[in-house]
Protein backbone atom coordinates (compact mmCIF):
# COMPACT_ATOMS: atom_id res chain seq x y z
CA MET A 1 -58.21 -5.31 -27.53
CA GLU A 2 -60.37 -2.56 -25.93
CA LYS A 3 -63.14 -5.02 -25.05
CA GLN A 4 -60.65 -7.16 -23.01
CA THR A 5 -59.51 -4.07 -21.01
CA LEU A 6 -63.08 -3.15 -20.25
CA GLU A 7 -63.86 -6.71 -19.04
CA SER A 8 -60.78 -6.76 -16.80
CA LYS A 9 -62.07 -3.87 -14.66
CA LYS A 10 -65.11 -3.63 -12.31
CA VAL A 11 -66.64 -1.02 -10.14
CA CYS A 12 -66.76 -1.75 -6.41
CA ARG A 13 -70.30 -1.40 -4.98
CA HIS A 14 -68.96 0.09 -1.69
CA CYS A 15 -66.33 2.62 -2.61
CA HIS A 16 -67.56 3.13 -6.25
CA ILE A 17 -64.11 3.12 -7.73
CA GLU A 18 -63.27 1.21 -10.87
CA LYS A 19 -60.55 -1.37 -10.13
CA PRO A 20 -58.85 -4.29 -11.92
CA LEU A 21 -60.51 -7.67 -11.41
CA SER A 22 -57.41 -8.70 -9.48
CA GLN A 23 -58.61 -6.44 -6.68
CA PHE A 24 -61.71 -8.54 -6.23
CA GLU A 25 -61.95 -12.05 -4.71
CA ALA A 26 -63.08 -14.88 -6.90
CA GLN A 27 -66.82 -15.92 -6.54
CA LYS A 28 -68.25 -18.40 -9.03
CA ARG A 29 -71.87 -17.48 -8.65
CA ASN A 30 -71.45 -13.97 -10.00
CA LYS A 31 -71.44 -13.55 -13.92
CA ASP A 32 -67.93 -12.13 -13.98
CA GLY A 33 -66.69 -14.67 -11.31
CA HIS A 34 -65.67 -12.03 -8.76
CA THR A 35 -67.23 -10.48 -5.73
CA ASN A 36 -68.89 -7.03 -5.89
CA ARG A 37 -66.80 -5.64 -3.08
CA CYS A 38 -63.10 -4.95 -3.60
CA LYS A 39 -60.40 -6.50 -1.34
CA SER A 40 -59.58 -3.08 0.37
CA CYS A 41 -63.31 -2.44 1.18
CA ARG A 42 -63.66 -6.01 2.51
CA CYS A 43 -60.55 -5.57 4.63
CA LYS A 44 -61.74 -2.31 5.98
CA HIS A 45 -65.16 -3.78 6.83
CA ARG A 46 -63.70 -6.80 8.53
CA TYR A 47 -61.44 -4.53 10.64
CA GLU A 48 -64.24 -2.12 11.62
CA SER A 49 -66.62 -4.97 12.53
CA GLY A 50 -64.14 -6.75 14.82
CA ALA A 51 -63.75 -9.87 12.44
CA TYR A 52 -60.01 -9.63 12.38
CA GLN A 53 -59.85 -9.43 16.18
CA ARG A 54 -62.11 -12.52 16.53
CA GLU A 55 -59.91 -14.28 13.95
CA ARG A 56 -56.76 -13.57 15.82
CA GLU A 57 -58.39 -14.83 19.07
CA ARG A 58 -59.38 -18.04 17.28
CA LYS A 59 -55.90 -18.64 15.95
CA HIS A 60 -54.43 -17.98 19.39
CA SER A 61 -56.84 -20.42 20.92
CA TYR A 62 -55.82 -23.08 18.34
CA ARG A 63 -52.04 -22.50 18.65
CA SER A 64 -52.08 -22.47 22.46
CA ASN A 65 -54.43 -25.50 22.63
CA ARG A 66 -56.55 -23.47 25.10
CA PRO A 67 -60.09 -22.49 24.58
CA THR A 68 -60.73 -18.72 24.58
CA TYR A 69 -64.10 -17.30 25.38
CA TYR A 70 -63.98 -13.64 24.60
CA THR A 71 -67.33 -11.88 24.59
CA ASP A 72 -68.47 -9.39 22.05
CA GLU A 73 -68.00 -6.88 24.91
CA ILE A 74 -64.27 -7.43 25.01
CA VAL A 75 -63.96 -7.32 21.23
CA GLN A 76 -65.81 -3.95 21.18
CA ARG A 77 -63.65 -2.65 24.06
CA MET A 78 -60.51 -3.62 22.15
CA MET A 79 -61.74 -2.08 18.83
CA SER A 80 -62.83 1.23 20.58
CA ALA A 81 -59.53 1.60 22.44
CA THR A 82 -57.45 4.71 21.46
CA HIS A 83 -54.69 4.63 24.06
CA CYS A 84 -52.32 2.04 25.65
CA VAL A 85 -53.49 1.15 29.09
CA TYR A 86 -49.84 0.90 30.29
CA CYS A 87 -48.05 3.96 28.87
CA GLY A 88 -51.12 6.11 28.31
CA GLU A 89 -50.02 7.15 24.79
CA GLU A 90 -52.15 7.21 21.65
CA GLY A 91 -52.23 3.92 19.69
CA ASN A 92 -52.83 3.15 15.98
CA ARG A 93 -54.28 0.15 13.89
CA ILE A 94 -51.14 -0.32 11.66
CA ASN A 95 -50.40 -4.01 11.64
CA GLY A 96 -47.06 -4.83 13.03
CA ASP A 97 -46.22 -1.27 14.17
CA ALA A 98 -44.92 -0.84 17.78
CA ASN A 99 -47.79 1.42 18.62
CA GLU A 100 -50.46 -0.80 17.27
CA LEU A 101 -53.04 -1.51 19.89
CA VAL A 102 -53.19 -5.19 20.69
CA MET A 103 -54.78 -7.37 23.37
CA ASP A 104 -52.71 -8.13 26.47
CA HIS A 105 -53.45 -10.31 29.51
CA VAL A 106 -52.66 -8.34 32.75
CA TYR A 107 -51.87 -11.70 34.36
CA HIS A 108 -50.33 -13.89 31.67
CA VAL A 109 -52.37 -16.96 30.93
CA GLY A 110 -49.66 -19.45 31.85
CA GLY A 111 -49.28 -18.01 35.30
CA ASN A 112 -51.13 -18.85 38.56
CA ALA A 113 -53.59 -16.02 38.34
CA GLY A 114 -53.88 -15.70 34.60
CA HIS A 115 -57.26 -16.42 32.97
CA ASN A 116 -58.84 -15.78 29.55
CA ILE A 117 -61.58 -13.68 30.96
CA ASP A 118 -62.60 -10.19 29.92
CA ASP A 119 -61.50 -8.46 33.11
CA ASN A 120 -57.90 -9.74 32.62
CA ILE A 121 -57.62 -8.39 29.06
CA VAL A 122 -56.52 -4.85 28.23
CA ALA A 123 -55.53 -2.89 24.98
CA CYS A 124 -51.92 -1.82 24.85
CA HIS A 125 -49.20 -1.00 22.43
CA ARG A 126 -47.53 -3.95 20.66
CA GLY A 127 -44.26 -2.56 22.07
CA CYS A 128 -45.52 -2.43 25.61
CA ASN A 129 -46.91 -5.88 25.33
CA THR A 130 -43.54 -7.21 24.17
CA SER A 131 -41.70 -5.40 26.88
CA LYS A 132 -44.05 -6.65 29.58
CA GLY A 133 -43.94 -10.27 28.40
CA ARG A 134 -44.62 -12.51 31.43
CA LEU A 135 -43.65 -9.83 34.04
CA HIS A 136 -46.14 -9.09 36.78
CA VAL A 137 -47.87 -5.87 35.95
CA TYR A 138 -46.38 -4.17 39.10
CA ASP A 139 -42.86 -5.20 38.13
CA PHE A 140 -43.49 -3.94 34.61
CA TYR A 141 -44.37 -0.54 35.82
CA GLN A 142 -41.43 -0.49 38.30
CA SER A 143 -38.90 -1.50 35.62
CA SER A 144 -39.18 1.63 33.46
CA GLU A 145 -38.74 5.30 34.05
CA ARG A 146 -41.28 5.83 31.31
CA PHE A 147 -44.13 4.86 33.64
CA THR A 148 -45.25 7.46 36.22
CA ASP A 149 -47.21 7.09 39.46
CA ASP A 150 -50.13 8.83 37.70
CA LEU A 151 -50.04 6.09 35.00
CA TRP A 152 -49.93 3.40 37.70
CA HIS A 153 -52.82 4.91 39.60
CA GLU A 154 -54.95 5.19 36.49
CA PHE A 155 -54.17 1.64 35.51
CA VAL A 156 -55.20 0.28 38.95
CA LYS A 157 -58.26 2.41 39.01
CA GLN A 158 -59.44 1.08 35.54
CA PHE A 159 -58.51 -2.50 36.51
CA ALA A 160 -60.35 -2.35 39.85
CA SER A 161 -63.45 -0.65 38.37
CA ARG A 162 -63.80 -3.46 35.74
CA LEU A 163 -63.60 -6.18 38.52
CA LEU A 164 -65.78 -4.29 41.03
CA ASN A 165 -68.37 -3.12 38.31
CA ARG A 166 -68.29 0.34 39.90
CA GLU A 167 -65.90 3.23 40.46
CA PRO A 168 -63.51 2.31 43.25
CA THR A 169 -63.03 4.62 46.16
CA PRO A 170 -59.55 6.24 46.71
CA SER A 171 -58.86 3.92 49.74
CA GLU A 172 -59.76 0.95 47.60
CA ILE A 173 -57.43 2.04 44.79
CA GLU A 174 -54.61 2.28 47.32
CA ALA A 175 -55.44 -1.20 48.72
CA TRP A 176 -55.38 -2.53 45.13
CA LYS A 177 -51.99 -0.89 44.59
CA GLN A 178 -50.64 -2.49 47.83
CA GLY A 179 -52.08 -5.76 46.67
CA PHE A 180 -50.27 -5.64 43.38
CA ALA A 181 -47.04 -4.81 45.06
CA ASP A 182 -47.41 -7.63 47.69
CA GLU A 183 -48.38 -10.09 44.98
CA ALA A 184 -45.31 -9.25 42.90
CA PHE A 185 -43.13 -9.58 45.86
CA GLU A 186 -44.50 -12.96 46.74
CA LEU A 187 -44.05 -14.18 43.11
CA THR A 188 -40.47 -13.00 43.15
CA THR A 189 -39.68 -14.81 46.48
CA GLU A 190 -41.29 -18.02 45.24
CA VAL A 191 -39.00 -18.08 42.21
CA LYS A 192 -35.80 -17.83 44.29
């Protein structure tokens, strides 16, 4: 009986903890029929390397029937993000949590200006992403008392700097702010 108990456990090569074989994926080529890395270490590695993010993008592309061409740069930017671009609060990596940092399109892809390009993608809380939905980013900021002028200024500054590939001047930031406001107004009047 003791021999069977010893055979049903294995030491993970990464965390060096002895775990039951059920914590390892099946792999026929190994003598014991299981991988040398436990499922939790594999999960942690995939998360840290950006493999989960790439898989989510691939599935999104398949479901929406639209090709997505996210570069490694955007994946790294999403993985290194620590704060929500919209509300400025710190995010986490807890799957399904309202404060989980997820990818959002500033201009939704179904809209006139929306594109699946790196400059149109930001990291934000899952809750902010859900609240924003298909709203224009200017309307989203205007719709809540939670968002301040400072947050709006910082968002516009970051967005403009990505598109310009340099730090925008204060007058350029103000022009971008006005451009967002005008664009939101035009979209609103088109709908009516």
